[in-house]
N, C-alpha and C. Protein backbone atom coordinates (compact mmCIF):
# COMPACT_ATOMS: atom_id res chain seq x y z
N UNK A 1 6.31 14.61 -4.04
CA UNK A 1 5.12 14.79 -3.96
C UNK A 1 4.29 14.75 -5.35
N UNK A 2 4.63 14.13 -6.11
CA UNK A 2 3.78 14.39 -7.72
C UNK A 2 2.40 14.87 -7.51
N UNK A 3 1.54 13.96 -6.94
CA UNK A 3 0.03 14.43 -7.01
C UNK A 3 -0.34 15.39 -6.30
N UNK A 4 0.15 15.67 -4.92
CA UNK A 4 0.01 17.48 -4.53
C UNK A 4 0.42 18.34 -4.81
N UNK A 5 0.95 18.51 -5.91
CA UNK A 5 0.93 19.72 -6.63
C UNK A 5 -0.81 20.35 -7.12
N UNK A 6 -1.46 19.26 -7.44
CA UNK A 6 -2.81 19.74 -7.68
C UNK A 6 -4.02 19.77 -6.85
N UNK A 7 -3.49 19.26 -5.70
CA UNK A 7 -4.29 19.10 -4.22
C UNK A 7 -4.40 20.45 -3.87
N UNK A 8 -5.82 20.78 -3.21
CA UNK A 8 -5.48 21.86 -2.16
C UNK A 8 -4.95 21.95 -1.09
N UNK A 9 -5.28 22.94 -0.02
CA UNK A 9 -3.67 22.84 0.86
C UNK A 9 -4.34 21.95 1.98
N UNK A 10 -5.36 21.35 2.16
CA UNK A 10 -5.48 20.40 3.17
C UNK A 10 -6.42 18.66 2.55
N UNK A 11 -6.02 18.71 1.54
CA UNK A 11 -6.62 17.59 0.56
C UNK A 11 -5.24 16.74 0.05
N UNK A 12 -5.72 15.47 0.10
CA UNK A 12 -5.50 14.32 -0.19
C UNK A 12 -6.00 13.44 -0.84
N UNK A 13 -5.46 12.76 -1.47
CA UNK A 13 -6.41 11.49 -2.41
C UNK A 13 -5.94 9.84 -1.54
N UNK A 14 -7.85 9.59 -1.10
CA UNK A 14 -7.47 8.85 -0.45
C UNK A 14 -7.34 7.05 -0.93
N UNK A 15 -7.44 6.93 -1.93
CA UNK A 15 -7.20 6.03 -2.74
C UNK A 15 -6.78 6.12 -3.94
N UNK A 16 -5.88 4.99 -4.91
CA UNK A 16 -5.74 5.09 -6.02
C UNK A 16 -6.70 5.48 -7.07
N UNK A 17 -6.69 6.79 -7.95
CA UNK A 17 -7.59 7.30 -8.65
C UNK A 17 -8.61 7.71 -8.41
N UNK A 18 -8.89 7.76 -6.93
CA UNK A 18 -10.29 8.46 -6.42
C UNK A 18 -10.71 10.04 -6.34
N UNK A 19 -11.59 10.39 -6.24
CA UNK A 19 -11.58 11.80 -5.64
C UNK A 19 -10.90 12.23 -4.31
N UNK A 20 -10.65 13.54 -4.19
CA UNK A 20 -9.72 14.11 -3.23
C UNK A 20 -10.30 14.18 -2.13
N UNK A 21 -10.13 14.09 -1.28
CA UNK A 21 -10.64 14.01 0.50
C UNK A 21 -10.22 15.48 1.25
N UNK A 22 -10.96 15.95 1.99
CA UNK A 22 -10.61 16.92 2.83
C UNK A 22 -10.12 16.36 4.42
N UNK A 23 -8.61 16.61 4.58
CA UNK A 23 -8.46 16.39 6.08
C UNK A 23 -9.18 16.84 6.83
N UNK A 24 -9.96 15.72 7.94
CA UNK A 24 -10.41 16.44 9.29
C UNK A 24 -9.40 16.73 10.43
N UNK A 25 -10.00 18.29 10.75
CA UNK A 25 -8.81 18.49 11.68
C UNK A 25 -8.77 17.61 12.67
N UNK A 26 -7.12 18.17 13.69
CA UNK A 26 -7.18 16.85 14.63
C UNK A 26 -7.51 17.88 15.95
N UNK A 27 -8.37 18.84 15.65
CA UNK A 27 -9.25 19.35 16.99
C UNK A 27 -10.25 18.62 17.13
N UNK A 28 -11.27 18.35 15.57
CA UNK A 28 -12.68 17.69 15.41
C UNK A 28 -11.83 16.27 15.62
N UNK A 29 -11.07 15.67 15.44
CA UNK A 29 -10.92 13.86 16.80
C UNK A 29 -10.42 14.15 18.09
N UNK A 30 -9.55 15.18 18.26
CA UNK A 30 -9.43 15.40 19.70
C UNK A 30 -10.52 15.04 20.35
N UNK A 31 -11.67 16.14 20.07
CA UNK A 31 -12.72 16.64 21.14
C UNK A 31 -13.39 15.21 21.64
N UNK A 32 -13.36 14.34 21.33
CA UNK A 32 -14.15 12.74 21.58
C UNK A 32 -12.54 12.27 22.10
N UNK A 33 -13.04 12.26 23.79
CA UNK A 33 -12.14 11.83 24.93
C UNK A 33 -11.69 10.40 24.32
N UNK A 34 -12.55 9.14 24.04
CA UNK A 34 -11.87 8.27 23.90
C UNK A 34 -10.73 8.29 22.49
N UNK A 35 -10.74 8.87 21.37
CA UNK A 35 -10.03 9.17 19.76
C UNK A 35 -8.59 9.96 21.07
N UNK A 36 -9.00 10.87 21.76
CA UNK A 36 -7.86 11.48 22.29
C UNK A 36 -6.76 10.82 22.49
N UNK A 37 -7.87 10.03 23.36
CA UNK A 37 -6.83 9.08 24.32
C UNK A 37 -6.10 8.18 23.31
N UNK A 38 -6.67 7.44 22.42
CA UNK A 38 -5.83 6.93 21.31
C UNK A 38 -4.84 7.40 20.42
N UNK A 39 -5.21 8.22 20.58
CA UNK A 39 -4.23 9.28 19.55
C UNK A 39 -2.59 9.57 20.38
N UNK A 40 -3.09 10.01 21.38
CA UNK A 40 -1.99 9.83 22.45
C UNK A 40 -1.13 8.41 22.67
N UNK A 41 -2.01 7.79 22.86
CA UNK A 41 -1.27 6.22 22.99
C UNK A 41 -0.84 5.57 21.79
N UNK A 42 -1.15 5.96 20.91
CA UNK A 42 -0.80 5.31 19.52
C UNK A 42 0.27 6.63 19.31
N UNK A 43 0.37 7.42 19.43
CA UNK A 43 1.33 8.35 19.06
C UNK A 43 2.64 8.02 19.66
N UNK A 44 2.74 7.39 21.04
CA UNK A 44 3.75 6.94 21.49
C UNK A 44 4.24 6.14 21.47
N UNK A 45 3.41 5.11 20.65
CA UNK A 45 4.03 3.67 20.17
C UNK A 45 4.35 3.38 18.88
N UNK A 46 4.08 4.56 17.96
CA UNK A 46 3.92 5.09 16.40
C UNK A 46 5.37 5.77 16.19
N UNK A 47 5.88 6.89 17.33
CA UNK A 47 6.29 7.90 17.47
C UNK A 47 5.78 9.33 16.40
N UNK A 48 4.57 9.23 16.17
CA UNK A 48 4.12 9.79 15.59
C UNK A 48 3.13 10.71 16.20
N UNK A 49 2.61 12.36 15.66
CA UNK A 49 1.38 13.12 16.15
C UNK A 49 0.38 12.83 15.76
N UNK A 50 -0.89 12.59 16.19
CA UNK A 50 -1.77 12.12 15.34
C UNK A 50 -2.51 13.31 15.01
N UNK A 51 -2.17 14.12 16.06
CA UNK A 51 -3.25 15.42 16.13
C UNK A 51 -2.38 16.36 15.32
N UNK A 52 -1.26 16.61 14.91
CA UNK A 52 -0.71 17.50 13.98
C UNK A 52 -0.93 17.80 12.57
N UNK A 53 -1.99 18.55 12.21
CA UNK A 53 -2.50 18.27 10.88
C UNK A 53 -1.58 18.22 9.74
N UNK A 54 -0.56 18.79 10.00
CA UNK A 54 0.66 19.18 8.69
C UNK A 54 1.54 17.46 8.89
N UNK A 55 1.45 17.03 10.01
CA UNK A 55 2.16 15.87 9.55
C UNK A 55 0.86 15.02 9.20
N UNK A 56 0.23 14.61 9.74
CA UNK A 56 -0.81 13.73 9.53
C UNK A 56 -1.33 13.86 7.78
N UNK A 57 -1.52 14.74 7.30
CA UNK A 57 -1.76 15.11 5.63
C UNK A 57 -0.54 15.14 5.01
N UNK A 58 0.98 15.21 5.63
CA UNK A 58 2.04 14.45 4.56
C UNK A 58 2.02 13.11 4.76
N UNK A 59 1.63 12.46 6.25
CA UNK A 59 1.16 10.78 6.08
C UNK A 59 0.64 10.51 4.78
N UNK A 60 -0.83 11.03 5.06
CA UNK A 60 -2.12 10.19 4.18
C UNK A 60 -1.00 10.75 2.58
N UNK A 61 -0.88 11.76 2.17
CA UNK A 61 0.16 12.00 0.90
C UNK A 61 1.03 10.68 0.36
N UNK A 62 1.41 10.64 1.11
CA UNK A 62 2.85 9.50 1.00
C UNK A 62 2.10 8.22 1.09
N UNK A 63 1.12 8.41 2.11
CA UNK A 63 0.21 6.59 1.92
C UNK A 63 -0.19 6.82 0.71
N UNK A 64 -0.50 8.00 -0.21
CA UNK A 64 -1.40 7.54 -1.32
C UNK A 64 -0.30 6.95 -2.60
N UNK A 65 0.98 7.83 -2.54
CA UNK A 65 1.92 7.37 -3.08
C UNK A 65 2.27 5.84 -3.07
N UNK A 66 2.60 5.43 -1.83
CA UNK A 66 2.69 4.02 -1.70
C UNK A 66 1.97 3.39 -2.27
N UNK A 67 0.68 3.29 -2.17
CA UNK A 67 -0.40 2.11 -2.71
C UNK A 67 -0.41 2.57 -4.29
N UNK A 68 0.27 3.60 -4.96
CA UNK A 68 0.41 3.90 -6.22
C UNK A 68 1.08 3.28 -6.80
N UNK A 69 2.80 3.23 -5.96
CA UNK A 69 4.07 2.44 -6.46
C UNK A 69 3.54 0.93 -6.13
N UNK A 70 2.92 0.42 -5.08
CA UNK A 70 2.28 -1.06 -5.29
C UNK A 70 1.76 -1.28 -6.51
N UNK A 71 0.93 -0.63 -6.50
CA UNK A 71 0.26 -0.77 -7.80
C UNK A 71 0.73 -1.12 -9.22
N UNK A 72 1.42 0.10 -9.52
CA UNK A 72 2.51 -0.10 -10.69
C UNK A 72 3.19 -1.39 -10.34
N UNK A 73 3.85 -1.18 -9.51
CA UNK A 73 5.23 -2.37 -9.34
C UNK A 73 4.23 -3.88 -9.98
N UNK A 74 3.25 -3.84 -9.45
CA UNK A 74 2.35 -5.21 -9.15
C UNK A 74 1.82 -5.33 -10.63
N UNK A 75 1.44 -3.82 -11.45
CA UNK A 75 1.15 -4.48 -12.97
C UNK A 75 1.84 -4.52 -13.34
N UNK A 76 3.30 -4.02 -13.88
CA UNK A 76 4.29 -4.08 -14.28
C UNK A 76 4.76 -5.86 -14.61
N UNK A 77 4.57 -6.11 -13.45
CA UNK A 77 4.96 -7.36 -13.33
C UNK A 77 4.01 -8.50 -13.55
N UNK A 78 2.83 -8.58 -12.62
CA UNK A 78 1.73 -9.36 -13.08
C UNK A 78 1.40 -9.30 -13.85
N UNK A 79 0.63 -8.42 -14.63
CA UNK A 79 0.04 -8.61 -15.53
C UNK A 79 1.25 -9.62 -17.13
N UNK A 80 2.17 -9.12 -16.76
CA UNK A 80 3.01 -10.50 -17.73
C UNK A 80 3.33 -11.52 -17.37
N UNK A 81 3.06 -11.70 -16.42
CA UNK A 81 3.27 -13.14 -16.02
C UNK A 81 1.89 -13.74 -16.50
N UNK A 82 0.88 -12.97 -16.13
CA UNK A 82 -0.14 -13.75 -16.21
C UNK A 82 -0.81 -14.02 -17.58
N UNK A 83 -0.34 -12.78 -18.62
CA UNK A 83 -0.37 -13.30 -20.26
C UNK A 83 0.60 -14.68 -20.69
N UNK A 84 1.73 -14.78 -20.18
CA UNK A 84 2.54 -15.07 -20.39
C UNK A 84 2.11 -16.99 -19.99
N UNK A 85 1.64 -17.18 -18.78
CA UNK A 85 1.13 -17.80 -18.33
C UNK A 85 -0.05 -18.40 -19.13
N UNK A 86 -0.60 -17.51 -19.64
CA UNK A 86 -2.26 -18.11 -20.34
C UNK A 86 -1.79 -18.48 -21.36
N UNK A 87 -0.56 -17.69 -22.60
CA UNK A 87 -0.49 -17.79 -23.11
C UNK A 87 0.47 -19.44 -23.51
N UNK A 88 1.35 -19.90 -22.54
CA UNK A 88 2.23 -20.90 -22.42
C UNK A 88 0.71 -22.13 -21.99
N UNK A 89 -0.30 -21.96 -21.25
CA UNK A 89 -1.42 -22.91 -21.68
C UNK A 89 -2.29 -23.47 -22.62
N UNK A 90 -2.54 -22.11 -23.08
CA UNK A 90 -3.40 -22.49 -24.31
C UNK A 90 -2.33 -22.80 -25.27
N UNK A 91 -1.11 -22.63 -25.53
CA UNK A 91 -0.28 -23.14 -26.72
C UNK A 91 -0.19 -24.33 -26.26
N UNK A 92 -0.24 -25.17 -24.72
CA UNK A 92 0.20 -26.28 -24.99
C UNK A 92 -1.29 -27.05 -25.26
N UNK A 93 -2.43 -26.72 -24.86
CA UNK A 93 -3.72 -26.98 -25.22
C UNK A 93 -3.98 -27.35 -26.61
N UNK A 94 -3.57 -26.17 -27.28
CA UNK A 94 -3.86 -26.29 -29.05
C UNK A 94 -2.91 -27.08 -30.11
N UNK A 95 -1.46 -26.57 -29.61
CA UNK A 95 -0.80 -27.52 -30.07
C UNK A 95 0.24 -28.22 -29.74
N UNK A 96 0.82 -27.89 -28.48
CA UNK A 96 2.03 -28.56 -28.08
C UNK A 96 1.53 -30.25 -27.96
N UNK A 97 0.46 -30.35 -26.90
CA UNK A 97 -0.06 -32.15 -27.11
C UNK A 97 -0.45 -32.92 -27.81
N UNK A 98 -0.52 -31.95 -29.06
CA UNK A 98 -0.40 -32.86 -30.18
C UNK A 98 0.82 -33.23 -30.93
N UNK A 99 1.89 -32.78 -30.46
CA UNK A 99 2.85 -32.97 -30.96
C UNK A 99 3.47 -34.18 -30.89
N UNK A 100 4.39 -35.08 -31.70
CA UNK A 100 4.50 -36.62 -32.01
C UNK A 100 5.35 -36.89 -31.01
N UNK A 101 6.70 -36.02 -30.99
CA UNK A 101 7.78 -36.42 -29.99
C UNK A 101 7.57 -36.15 -29.00
N UNK A 102 7.72 -36.98 -27.62
CA UNK A 102 7.31 -36.73 -26.80
C UNK A 102 8.38 -36.20 -26.02
N UNK A 103 9.77 -36.19 -26.30
CA UNK A 103 10.83 -35.00 -25.83
C UNK A 103 10.34 -33.85 -26.28
N UNK A 104 9.84 -33.74 -27.42
CA UNK A 104 9.44 -31.93 -27.71
C UNK A 104 8.78 -31.81 -26.68
N UNK A 105 7.81 -32.26 -26.27
CA UNK A 105 6.78 -31.91 -25.49
C UNK A 105 7.14 -32.12 -23.86
N UNK A 106 8.61 -32.43 -23.99
CA UNK A 106 9.11 -32.32 -22.50
C UNK A 106 9.69 -31.09 -22.41
N UNK A 107 10.67 -30.94 -23.37
CA UNK A 107 10.97 -29.70 -23.53
C UNK A 107 10.46 -28.08 -23.62
N UNK A 108 9.45 -28.59 -24.41
CA UNK A 108 8.38 -27.39 -24.33
C UNK A 108 7.78 -26.95 -22.81
N UNK A 109 7.20 -28.20 -22.19
CA UNK A 109 7.01 -28.03 -20.70
C UNK A 109 8.02 -27.48 -19.84
N UNK A 110 9.17 -28.10 -19.75
CA UNK A 110 10.11 -27.13 -18.94
C UNK A 110 10.70 -26.09 -19.39
N UNK A 111 11.11 -25.60 -20.50
CA UNK A 111 10.94 -23.93 -20.96
C UNK A 111 9.89 -23.05 -20.37
N UNK A 112 9.06 -23.75 -20.81
CA UNK A 112 7.60 -22.56 -20.29
C UNK A 112 7.86 -22.66 -18.62
N UNK A 113 7.94 -23.50 -18.10
CA UNK A 113 7.64 -24.08 -16.58
C UNK A 113 8.92 -23.33 -16.20
N UNK A 114 9.90 -23.08 -16.94
CA UNK A 114 11.04 -22.14 -16.48
C UNK A 114 10.84 -20.87 -16.75
N UNK A 115 10.31 -20.34 -17.97
CA UNK A 115 9.84 -18.93 -18.07
C UNK A 115 8.84 -18.40 -16.98
N UNK A 116 8.21 -18.96 -16.92
CA UNK A 116 6.39 -18.74 -16.01
C UNK A 116 7.16 -18.31 -14.43
N UNK A 117 8.07 -19.51 -13.94
CA UNK A 117 8.63 -19.38 -12.80
C UNK A 117 9.84 -18.48 -12.44
N UNK A 118 10.39 -18.29 -13.32
CA UNK A 118 11.61 -16.79 -13.10
C UNK A 118 10.83 -15.33 -13.06
N UNK A 119 9.59 -15.51 -14.29
CA UNK A 119 8.87 -14.18 -13.97
C UNK A 119 8.19 -14.34 -12.65
N UNK A 120 7.63 -15.32 -12.08
CA UNK A 120 7.19 -15.34 -10.92
C UNK A 120 8.10 -14.85 -9.70
N UNK A 121 9.12 -15.68 -9.62
CA UNK A 121 10.14 -15.47 -8.43
C UNK A 121 10.46 -13.64 -9.00
N UNK A 122 10.44 -13.07 -10.08
CA UNK A 122 10.49 -11.49 -10.16
C UNK A 122 9.63 -10.34 -9.05
N UNK A 123 8.38 -11.55 -9.56
CA UNK A 123 6.89 -10.71 -9.33
C UNK A 123 6.72 -10.83 -7.55
N UNK A 124 7.37 -11.89 -6.99
CA UNK A 124 7.30 -12.04 -5.81
C UNK A 124 8.67 -11.40 -5.15
N UNK A 125 10.07 -11.12 -5.76
CA UNK A 125 10.86 -10.37 -5.06
C UNK A 125 10.43 -8.85 -4.90
N UNK A 126 9.71 -8.55 -6.08
CA UNK A 126 9.32 -7.26 -6.43
C UNK A 126 8.41 -6.94 -5.14
N UNK A 127 7.16 -7.40 -5.09
CA UNK A 127 6.27 -7.67 -3.55
C UNK A 127 7.05 -7.48 -2.74
N UNK A 128 7.89 -8.33 -2.46
CA UNK A 128 8.60 -8.47 -1.45
C UNK A 128 9.62 -7.24 -0.75
N UNK A 129 10.06 -6.44 -1.76
CA UNK A 129 11.01 -5.52 -1.61
C UNK A 129 9.56 -4.35 -1.37
N UNK A 130 8.71 -4.23 -1.99
CA UNK A 130 8.19 -2.94 -1.42
C UNK A 130 7.16 -3.04 -0.24
N UNK A 131 6.75 -4.79 0.04
CA UNK A 131 5.63 -4.56 1.07
C UNK A 131 6.64 -4.97 2.16
N UNK A 132 8.15 -5.50 2.15
CA UNK A 132 8.77 -5.59 3.37
C UNK A 132 9.65 -4.28 3.62
N UNK A 133 9.67 -2.88 2.79
CA UNK A 133 10.77 -2.16 3.21
C UNK A 133 9.91 -1.56 4.30
N UNK A 134 11.14 -1.23 5.38
CA UNK A 134 10.63 -0.74 6.57
C UNK A 134 9.93 0.39 6.63
N UNK A 135 10.54 1.27 5.80
CA UNK A 135 9.85 2.82 6.05
C UNK A 135 9.20 2.98 5.35
N UNK A 136 8.30 1.83 4.42
CA UNK A 136 7.21 1.93 3.87
C UNK A 136 5.95 1.01 5.28
N UNK A 137 6.56 0.11 5.31
CA UNK A 137 5.96 -0.22 6.83
C UNK A 137 5.15 0.73 8.08
N UNK A 138 6.73 1.23 8.03
CA UNK A 138 6.16 2.27 9.08
C UNK A 138 5.03 3.18 8.76
N UNK A 139 5.21 3.64 7.38
CA UNK A 139 3.93 4.80 7.09
C UNK A 139 2.56 3.74 7.13
N UNK A 140 2.98 2.26 6.41
CA UNK A 140 1.17 2.18 6.71
C UNK A 140 1.22 1.60 8.14
N UNK A 141 1.69 1.62 8.92
CA UNK A 141 1.96 1.34 10.44
C UNK A 141 0.70 2.62 10.95
N UNK A 142 1.35 3.83 10.78
CA UNK A 142 1.06 4.88 11.02
C UNK A 142 -0.53 5.32 10.55
N UNK A 143 -1.14 4.91 8.86
CA UNK A 143 -1.90 5.24 8.43
C UNK A 143 -2.89 3.97 9.00
N UNK A 144 -2.61 2.76 9.24
CA UNK A 144 -3.96 1.85 10.01
C UNK A 144 -4.15 2.55 10.87
N UNK A 145 -3.52 3.08 12.08
CA UNK A 145 -3.65 3.79 13.26
C UNK A 145 -4.27 4.83 13.43
N UNK A 146 -4.58 5.54 12.32
CA UNK A 146 -4.85 6.71 11.56
C UNK A 146 -6.37 6.38 11.51
N UNK A 147 -6.57 5.53 11.03
CA UNK A 147 -7.57 5.12 9.99
C UNK A 147 -8.71 4.46 11.72
N UNK A 148 -8.31 3.86 12.34
CA UNK A 148 -8.85 3.52 13.72
C UNK A 148 -9.03 4.64 14.39
N UNK A 149 -8.12 5.40 14.58
CA UNK A 149 -8.44 6.71 15.23
C UNK A 149 -9.52 7.44 14.95
N UNK A 150 -9.88 7.30 13.53
CA UNK A 150 -10.88 8.43 12.57
C UNK A 150 -12.15 7.67 13.04
N UNK A 151 -11.97 6.24 12.73
CA UNK A 151 -13.26 5.63 13.09
C UNK A 151 -13.67 5.77 14.39
N UNK A 152 -12.76 5.68 14.91
CA UNK A 152 -13.27 5.82 16.77
C UNK A 152 -14.01 7.25 16.89
N UNK A 153 -12.93 8.38 16.66
CA UNK A 153 -13.81 9.42 16.87
C UNK A 153 -15.06 9.64 15.68
N UNK A 154 -15.57 9.07 14.55
CA UNK A 154 -16.62 9.07 14.37
C UNK A 154 -17.90 8.27 14.91
N UNK A 155 -17.47 7.17 15.77
CA UNK A 155 -18.42 6.60 16.26
C UNK A 155 -18.38 7.47 17.85
N UNK A 156 -17.82 8.17 18.28
CA UNK A 156 -17.83 9.22 19.51
C UNK A 156 -18.48 10.55 18.78
N UNK A 157 -18.86 10.68 17.87
CA UNK A 157 -19.72 12.02 17.52
C UNK A 157 -19.34 12.87 16.49
N UNK A 158 -17.74 12.56 16.39
CA UNK A 158 -16.96 13.95 15.19
C UNK A 158 -17.55 13.93 14.56
N UNK A 159 -17.38 15.08 13.47
CA UNK A 159 -17.87 15.01 12.19
C UNK A 159 -16.91 14.62 11.25
N UNK A 160 -17.04 13.29 11.05
CA UNK A 160 -15.87 12.26 10.22
C UNK A 160 -16.57 11.77 9.33
N UNK A 161 -16.45 11.57 8.22
CA UNK A 161 -17.54 11.25 6.63
C UNK A 161 -16.82 9.71 7.02
N UNK A 162 -17.58 9.35 6.95
CA UNK A 162 -18.03 7.35 6.52
C UNK A 162 -16.66 7.04 6.08
N UNK A 163 -16.07 6.26 6.07
CA UNK A 163 -14.63 5.91 5.19
C UNK A 163 -13.89 6.72 5.34
N UNK A 164 -13.89 7.35 5.84
CA UNK A 164 -12.33 8.44 5.99
C UNK A 164 -11.30 7.66 6.94
N UNK A 165 -10.15 7.33 6.50
CA UNK A 165 -9.79 8.46 5.69
C UNK A 165 -9.56 7.45 3.90
N UNK A 166 -10.44 6.74 3.80
CA UNK A 166 -10.77 5.96 2.43
C UNK A 166 -9.61 5.03 1.98
N UNK A 167 -9.13 4.82 2.80
CA UNK A 167 -8.98 3.11 2.34
C UNK A 167 -8.54 2.29 3.56
N UNK A 168 -7.89 0.70 2.87
CA UNK A 168 -8.23 -0.30 4.09
C UNK A 168 -7.23 -0.25 5.09
N UNK A 169 -7.83 -1.35 5.72
CA UNK A 169 -6.98 -1.47 7.41
C UNK A 169 -5.63 -2.26 6.86
N UNK A 170 -5.15 -2.31 5.61
CA UNK A 170 -4.07 -3.14 6.05
C UNK A 170 -3.43 -4.18 6.83
N UNK A 171 -4.20 -5.28 6.39
CA UNK A 171 -4.04 -6.56 7.43
C UNK A 171 -2.15 -7.44 7.20
N UNK A 172 -1.68 -6.55 6.29
CA UNK A 172 -0.39 -7.03 6.04
C UNK A 172 0.44 -5.95 5.90
N UNK A 173 2.17 -6.19 6.36
CA UNK A 173 2.52 -5.59 5.76
C UNK A 173 2.27 -4.13 6.68
N UNK A 174 2.21 -3.83 7.79
CA UNK A 174 1.97 -3.04 8.36
C UNK A 174 2.23 -2.69 9.76
N UNK A 175 3.68 -3.39 9.90
CA UNK A 175 3.79 -3.34 11.25
C UNK A 175 4.93 -2.21 11.79
N UNK A 176 4.82 -1.65 12.68
CA UNK A 176 5.82 -0.42 13.13
C UNK A 176 7.56 -1.09 13.33
N UNK A 177 8.36 -0.71 12.68
CA UNK A 177 9.71 -1.01 13.13
C UNK A 177 10.25 0.07 13.56
N UNK A 178 10.14 0.01 14.84
CA UNK A 178 11.01 1.15 15.55
C UNK A 178 12.71 1.34 15.58
N UNK A 179 13.93 0.23 14.62
CA UNK A 179 14.25 -0.05 14.44
C UNK A 179 14.83 1.14 13.44
N UNK A 180 14.00 1.33 12.67
CA UNK A 180 14.46 2.81 11.28
C UNK A 180 14.58 4.40 11.83
N UNK A 181 15.78 4.18 12.19
CA UNK A 181 15.86 5.37 12.73
C UNK A 181 14.74 6.95 12.01
N UNK A 182 14.17 7.81 12.56
CA UNK A 182 13.72 9.06 11.96
C UNK A 182 14.15 9.50 11.21
N UNK A 183 15.19 9.59 11.06
CA UNK A 183 16.16 10.39 9.31
C UNK A 183 15.78 9.54 8.58
N UNK A 184 15.26 8.12 8.53
CA UNK A 184 14.50 7.68 7.68
C UNK A 184 13.31 7.26 7.17
N UNK A 185 12.92 7.43 8.36
CA UNK A 185 11.09 7.20 8.43
C UNK A 185 10.60 8.54 7.14
N UNK A 186 9.02 8.28 7.29
CA UNK A 186 8.25 9.35 6.21
C UNK A 186 8.45 10.55 6.50
N UNK A 187 9.28 10.90 7.76
CA UNK A 187 8.87 12.15 8.52
C UNK A 187 10.19 13.28 8.05
N UNK A 188 11.12 12.17 7.52
CA UNK A 188 12.37 12.78 6.80
C UNK A 188 12.12 13.19 5.54
N UNK A 189 12.90 13.24 4.84
CA UNK A 189 12.91 13.89 3.53
C UNK A 189 11.81 13.21 2.48
N UNK A 190 11.70 12.14 2.94
CA UNK A 190 10.80 11.06 1.69
C UNK A 190 10.73 9.87 1.97
N UNK A 191 10.09 9.22 0.91
CA UNK A 191 9.47 7.83 1.38
C UNK A 191 10.94 7.16 0.31
N UNK A 192 11.81 5.91 0.89
CA UNK A 192 12.64 5.61 0.11
C UNK A 192 12.40 4.07 -0.34
C-alpha cells in the first residue's frame, strides 16, 4: 500500500486525490442494532468481518488503490483514444474530404478506422481486465456492503459522517465471487 505510509494509524483516503478520512470504529456501528445485524448477515455472505477495525481499514485502503489503478489505466489508454479519434475527425474535416481521389479518401478512412478500433479494443480489454478481476470484484462487493452498513448506522443514530466512507455504491463490477480462494483475496497478501 503505497499511500498508506503517509496516513495516520486509522486513516484512509476515501476517493482518489481527496483528503484523508478517519475510520469509524466498529463498536460505533455495532451500537445500532439494525447495522449490527446487517454487518453479521453481510459478513457471512461476503466472508468478511465488517466490525473488525483492522480488516475494514485494510479493505478501505485497498479500495482506494483499486480506484487509483482503474483511473490510471483508463487515463493511459482513454486519453490517447480520444485524442487520436479527435485528430482523425479534424483531419478528415479539414483536409481529407477535399482530396480529389476517392481511393485515397477511402484508404485514409479505412486506416483511421482501423487505428481507432484497435485502440478502442485495447481500452475495452484493459477495462475488462480491471473490472472483471474476481479479486477486485470481491473487494468492491465488500466495500459496497460496508458503505451500506455505514449509511444504515448513520440513519440509526450512530456518529458516522455524511457520505462516509466517501465513495460511490459501485453499480457495476461489485459482484462477490465465492469461488475465489481466501488466499487470493484482499485478506491475503495483496490485490492481484
